[in-house]
Amino acid sequence: MSDKFTRNFKKKPTQHTLKGPRESVINSIHMLYSLGYAEIAEWTPLEPTDIPGEVMTTMTKYWLLP
């Protein structure tokens, strides 16, 4: 993209959160990686929630928007 095109755009964050059983969250991370949407290293470490057996992770994606 040329500098002239992107200078009128600002980086806007969008935060994604995955919550659920550990296996489902890991599978979702790998699926988003295989689709080319997010690198595995972009996700925070899995952390337990208040619900037994549930974990969560977050990732922030930045978009160039006017």
Protein backbone atom coordinates (compact mmCIF):
# COMPACT_ATOMS: atom_id res chain seq x y z
CA MET A 1 0.00 0.00 0.00
CA SER A 2 1.30 3.45 -0.80
CA ASP A 3 1.99 5.94 1.98
CA LYS A 4 -0.42 8.38 0.30
CA PHE A 5 -3.25 5.84 0.62
CA THR A 6 -2.57 4.77 4.23
CA ARG A 7 -1.82 8.16 5.82
CA ASN A 8 -5.55 8.94 6.10
CA PHE A 9 -6.17 5.69 7.94
CA LYS A 10 -5.68 4.95 11.62
CA LYS A 11 -4.93 1.63 13.31
CA LYS A 12 -8.04 0.53 15.19
CA PRO A 13 -7.84 -2.41 17.62
CA THR A 14 -10.30 -5.28 17.79
CA GLN A 15 -9.91 -7.68 20.69
CA HIS A 16 -10.85 -11.33 20.25
CA THR A 17 -11.55 -13.55 23.25
CA LEU A 18 -11.85 -17.32 23.23
CA LYS A 19 -13.42 -19.08 26.22
CA GLY A 20 -14.27 -22.72 26.69
CA PRO A 21 -12.77 -26.13 27.36
CA ARG A 22 -8.97 -26.17 26.86
CA GLU A 23 -9.13 -28.52 23.86
CA SER A 24 -11.76 -26.38 22.09
CA VAL A 25 -9.83 -23.15 22.65
CA ILE A 26 -6.58 -24.70 21.35
CA ASN A 27 -8.44 -26.10 18.33
CA SER A 28 -9.92 -22.65 17.60
CA ILE A 29 -6.48 -21.02 17.80
CA HIS A 30 -5.09 -23.58 15.35
CA MET A 31 -8.07 -23.12 13.01
CA LEU A 32 -7.61 -19.33 12.95
CA TYR A 33 -3.91 -19.89 12.26
CA SER A 34 -4.62 -22.31 9.39
CA LEU A 35 -6.99 -19.71 7.86
CA GLY A 36 -4.16 -17.16 7.98
CA TYR A 37 -6.03 -14.91 10.40
CA ALA A 38 -3.84 -15.02 13.51
CA GLU A 39 -0.44 -16.34 14.50
CA ILE A 40 -0.45 -18.73 17.44
CA ALA A 41 2.05 -16.53 19.32
CA GLU A 42 -0.37 -13.55 19.16
CA TRP A 43 -2.70 -15.17 21.73
CA THR A 44 -2.16 -14.66 25.46
CA PRO A 45 -1.34 -17.73 27.54
CA LEU A 46 -4.38 -19.82 28.46
CA GLU A 47 -5.75 -18.84 31.85
CA PRO A 48 -8.41 -20.58 33.91
CA THR A 49 -11.74 -18.80 34.43
CA ASP A 50 -14.04 -19.05 37.45
CA ILE A 51 -15.82 -21.96 35.74
CA PRO A 52 -14.12 -25.33 36.36
CA GLY A 53 -12.59 -26.77 33.18
CA GLU A 54 -12.85 -23.49 31.26
CA VAL A 55 -9.91 -21.41 30.00
CA MET A 56 -9.67 -18.13 28.15
CA THR A 57 -7.23 -16.29 25.91
CA THR A 58 -7.27 -12.99 24.04
CA MET A 59 -5.67 -11.54 20.94
CA THR A 60 -5.76 -8.01 19.54
CA LYS A 61 -5.97 -7.47 15.79
CA TYR A 62 -5.34 -4.03 14.31
CA TRP A 63 -7.17 -2.78 11.23
CA LEU A 64 -6.44 0.28 9.11
CA LEU A 65 -9.71 2.23 9.07
CA PRO A 66 -10.60 5.77 7.99
